[in-house]
Amino acid sequence: TINMQRAKEIEMLEQVLAHPDSGKQTRADALSQKTDIVRRMEFEAQAQACIENLGIKNSTVLCGAQNMTVFVPFEYASDEKMRTAMIDAVSTITGIGAESVKIILAKNE
């Protein structure tokens, strides 16, 4: 899963940060990458909580470098008012612009 991948990335970055032979620039780059991963994870958790507070179940939120994607079951995203409420909530809580929040319909099985 994506969380396992991120955990591995963070672990590798921490090894770079802890290694005595890592140069100053290498450490700075590793710290920047780690900070970015953690920031995305925090945004995802905040957005997920927002979506759940709207009463939407079975959703998944992924934060990219410059956007946020929310996967929701069709019954929630087919309502334009609900789509707007989701975009507004995610944008407000994370600070990511509404134009960068995408709602993707997920098929319930």
C-alpha atoms as a PDB file:
ATOM      1  CA  THR A   1       0.000   0.000   0.000  1.00  0.00           C
ATOM      2  CA  ILE A   2       0.982   3.620  -0.258  1.00  0.00           C
ATOM      3  CA  ASN A   3       1.436   3.897   3.521  1.00  0.00           C
ATOM      4  CA  MET A   4       3.899   1.003   3.528  1.00  0.00           C
ATOM      5  CA  GLN A   5       5.792   2.630   0.655  1.00  0.00           C
ATOM      6  CA  ARG A   6       5.952   5.914   2.526  1.00  0.00           C
ATOM      7  CA  ALA A   7       7.117   4.195   5.703  1.00  0.00           C
ATOM      8  CA  LYS A   8       9.988   2.623   3.746  1.00  0.00           C
ATOM      9  CA  GLU A   9      10.878   5.989   2.194  1.00  0.00           C
ATOM     10  CA  ILE A  10      10.890   7.668   5.606  1.00  0.00           C
ATOM     11  CA  GLU A  11      13.044   4.886   7.037  1.00  0.00           C
ATOM     12  CA  MET A  12      15.589   5.263   4.228  1.00  0.00           C
ATOM     13  CA  LEU A  13      15.632   9.038   4.628  1.00  0.00           C
ATOM     14  CA  GLU A  14      16.185   8.670   8.374  1.00  0.00           C
ATOM     15  CA  GLN A  15      19.133   6.388   7.650  1.00  0.00           C
ATOM     16  CA  VAL A  16      20.622   9.059   5.394  1.00  0.00           C
ATOM     17  CA  LEU A  17      20.075  11.675   8.100  1.00  0.00           C
ATOM     18  CA  ALA A  18      21.724   9.476  10.740  1.00  0.00           C
ATOM     19  CA  HIS A  19      24.666   8.326   8.631  1.00  0.00           C
ATOM     20  CA  PRO A  20      27.884  10.100   9.660  1.00  0.00           C
ATOM     21  CA  ASP A  21      29.195  10.208   6.075  1.00  0.00           C
ATOM     22  CA  SER A  22      26.130  12.012   4.708  1.00  0.00           C
ATOM     23  CA  GLY A  23      27.097  15.455   3.498  1.00  0.00           C
ATOM     24  CA  LYS A  24      25.372  18.646   4.545  1.00  0.00           C
ATOM     25  CA  GLN A  25      23.467  18.998   1.243  1.00  0.00           C
ATOM     26  CA  THR A  26      22.483  15.319   1.261  1.00  0.00           C
ATOM     27  CA  ARG A  27      21.086  15.678   4.770  1.00  0.00           C
ATOM     28  CA  ALA A  28      19.230  18.854   3.819  1.00  0.00           C
ATOM     29  CA  ASP A  29      17.685  17.098   0.805  1.00  0.00           C
ATOM     30  CA  ALA A  30      16.716  14.061   2.875  1.00  0.00           C
ATOM     31  CA  LEU A  31      15.137  16.252   5.539  1.00  0.00           C
ATOM     32  CA  SER A  32      13.211  18.192   2.907  1.00  0.00           C
ATOM     33  CA  GLN A  33      11.890  14.975   1.347  1.00  0.00           C
ATOM     34  CA  LYS A  34      10.921  13.541   4.728  1.00  0.00           C
ATOM     35  CA  THR A  35       9.158  16.760   5.696  1.00  0.00           C
ATOM     36  CA  ASP A  36       7.225  16.705   2.418  1.00  0.00           C
ATOM     37  CA  ILE A  37       6.079  13.102   2.927  1.00  0.00           C
ATOM     38  CA  VAL A  38       4.965  13.801   6.495  1.00  0.00           C
ATOM     39  CA  ARG A  39       3.146  16.974   5.384  1.00  0.00           C
ATOM     40  CA  ARG A  40       1.232  15.025   2.741  1.00  0.00           C
ATOM     41  CA  MET A  41       0.274  12.376   5.272  1.00  0.00           C
ATOM     42  CA  GLU A  42      -0.992  15.062   7.652  1.00  0.00           C
ATOM     43  CA  PHE A  43      -3.044  16.667   4.869  1.00  0.00           C
ATOM     44  CA  GLU A  44      -4.521  13.280   4.006  1.00  0.00           C
ATOM     45  CA  ALA A  45      -5.513  12.626   7.621  1.00  0.00           C
ATOM     46  CA  GLN A  46      -7.071  16.091   7.939  1.00  0.00           C
ATOM     47  CA  ALA A  47      -8.967  15.744   4.662  1.00  0.00           C
ATOM     48  CA  GLN A  48     -10.108  12.214   5.531  1.00  0.00           C
ATOM     49  CA  ALA A  49     -11.518  13.468   8.835  1.00  0.00           C
ATOM     50  CA  CYS A  50     -13.305  16.290   6.992  1.00  0.00           C
ATOM     51  CA  ILE A  51     -14.877  13.901   4.511  1.00  0.00           C
ATOM     52  CA  GLU A  52     -16.001  11.578   7.306  1.00  0.00           C
ATOM     53  CA  ASN A  53     -17.499  14.546   9.188  1.00  0.00           C
ATOM     54  CA  LEU A  54     -19.646  15.174   6.118  1.00  0.00           C
ATOM     55  CA  GLY A  55     -21.050  11.675   6.640  1.00  0.00           C
ATOM     56  CA  ILE A  56     -19.204  10.084   3.745  1.00  0.00           C
ATOM     57  CA  LYS A  57     -18.072   6.524   4.338  1.00  0.00           C
ATOM     58  CA  ASN A  58     -15.589   4.368   2.407  1.00  0.00           C
ATOM     59  CA  SER A  59     -13.539   7.228   0.986  1.00  0.00           C
ATOM     60  CA  THR A  60      -9.807   7.452   0.368  1.00  0.00           C
ATOM     61  CA  VAL A  61      -7.733  10.626   0.242  1.00  0.00           C
ATOM     62  CA  LEU A  62      -4.362  10.956  -1.482  1.00  0.00           C
ATOM     63  CA  CYS A  63      -2.217  14.059  -1.429  1.00  0.00           C
ATOM     64  CA  GLY A  64       0.129  14.651  -4.324  1.00  0.00           C
ATOM     65  CA  ALA A  65       2.833  17.264  -4.623  1.00  0.00           C
ATOM     66  CA  GLN A  66       0.365  19.949  -5.720  1.00  0.00           C
ATOM     67  CA  ASN A  67      -3.089  18.408  -5.492  1.00  0.00           C
ATOM     68  CA  MET A  68      -5.490  16.390  -3.379  1.00  0.00           C
ATOM     69  CA  THR A  69      -7.555  13.522  -4.757  1.00  0.00           C
ATOM     70  CA  VAL A  70     -10.597  12.225  -2.916  1.00  0.00           C
ATOM     71  CA  PHE A  71     -12.020   8.873  -3.964  1.00  0.00           C
ATOM     72  CA  VAL A  72     -15.654   8.521  -2.881  1.00  0.00           C
ATOM     73  CA  PRO A  73     -18.476   6.095  -3.617  1.00  0.00           C
ATOM     74  CA  PHE A  74     -20.674   7.187  -6.510  1.00  0.00           C
ATOM     75  CA  GLU A  75     -23.746   7.849  -4.348  1.00  0.00           C
ATOM     76  CA  TYR A  76     -21.935  10.664  -2.561  1.00  0.00           C
ATOM     77  CA  ALA A  77     -20.176  12.287  -5.482  1.00  0.00           C
ATOM     78  CA  SER A  78     -23.116  12.295  -7.873  1.00  0.00           C
ATOM     79  CA  ASP A  79     -24.709  15.128  -5.856  1.00  0.00           C
ATOM     80  CA  GLU A  80     -23.180  18.444  -7.006  1.00  0.00           C
ATOM     81  CA  LYS A  81     -23.839  20.114  -3.627  1.00  0.00           C
ATOM     82  CA  MET A  82     -22.015  17.284  -1.870  1.00  0.00           C
ATOM     83  CA  ARG A  83     -19.092  17.503  -4.320  1.00  0.00           C
ATOM     84  CA  THR A  84     -18.838  21.241  -3.662  1.00  0.00           C
ATOM     85  CA  ALA A  85     -19.039  20.680   0.109  1.00  0.00           C
ATOM     86  CA  MET A  86     -16.240  18.100  -0.078  1.00  0.00           C
ATOM     87  CA  ILE A  87     -13.993  20.360  -2.150  1.00  0.00           C
ATOM     88  CA  ASP A  88     -14.646  23.351   0.122  1.00  0.00           C
ATOM     89  CA  ALA A  89     -14.027  21.327   3.292  1.00  0.00           C
ATOM     90  CA  VAL A  90     -10.783  19.767   2.044  1.00  0.00           C
ATOM     91  CA  SER A  91      -9.537  23.077   0.670  1.00  0.00           C
ATOM     92  CA  THR A  92     -10.324  24.938   3.880  1.00  0.00           C
ATOM     93  CA  ILE A  93      -8.760  22.407   6.245  1.00  0.00           C
ATOM     94  CA  THR A  94      -5.585  21.792   4.220  1.00  0.00           C
ATOM     95  CA  GLY A  95      -5.042  25.142   2.539  1.00  0.00           C
ATOM     96  CA  ILE A  96      -4.854  23.422  -0.854  1.00  0.00           C
ATOM     97  CA  GLY A  97      -6.689  25.504  -3.455  1.00  0.00           C
ATOM     98  CA  ALA A  98     -10.149  24.274  -4.468  1.00  0.00           C
ATOM     99  CA  GLU A  99      -8.947  24.035  -8.080  1.00  0.00           C
ATOM    100  CA  SER A 100      -6.396  21.454  -6.916  1.00  0.00           C
ATOM    101  CA  VAL A 101      -8.919  19.204  -5.155  1.00  0.00           C
ATOM    102  CA  LYS A 102     -10.296  16.441  -7.376  1.00  0.00           C
ATOM    103  CA  ILE A 103     -13.234  14.208  -6.556  1.00  0.00           C
ATOM    104  CA  ILE A 104     -13.051  10.788  -8.187  1.00  0.00           C
ATOM    105  CA  LEU A 105     -15.987   8.413  -8.203  1.00  0.00           C
ATOM    106  CA  ALA A 106     -15.168   4.976  -6.848  1.00  0.00           C
ATOM    107  CA  LYS A 107     -17.311   2.014  -7.737  1.00  0.00           C
ATOM    108  CA  ASN A 108     -18.793   0.244  -4.722  1.00  0.00           C
ATOM    109  CA  GLU A 109     -18.503  -3.504  -4.900  1.00  0.00           C
END
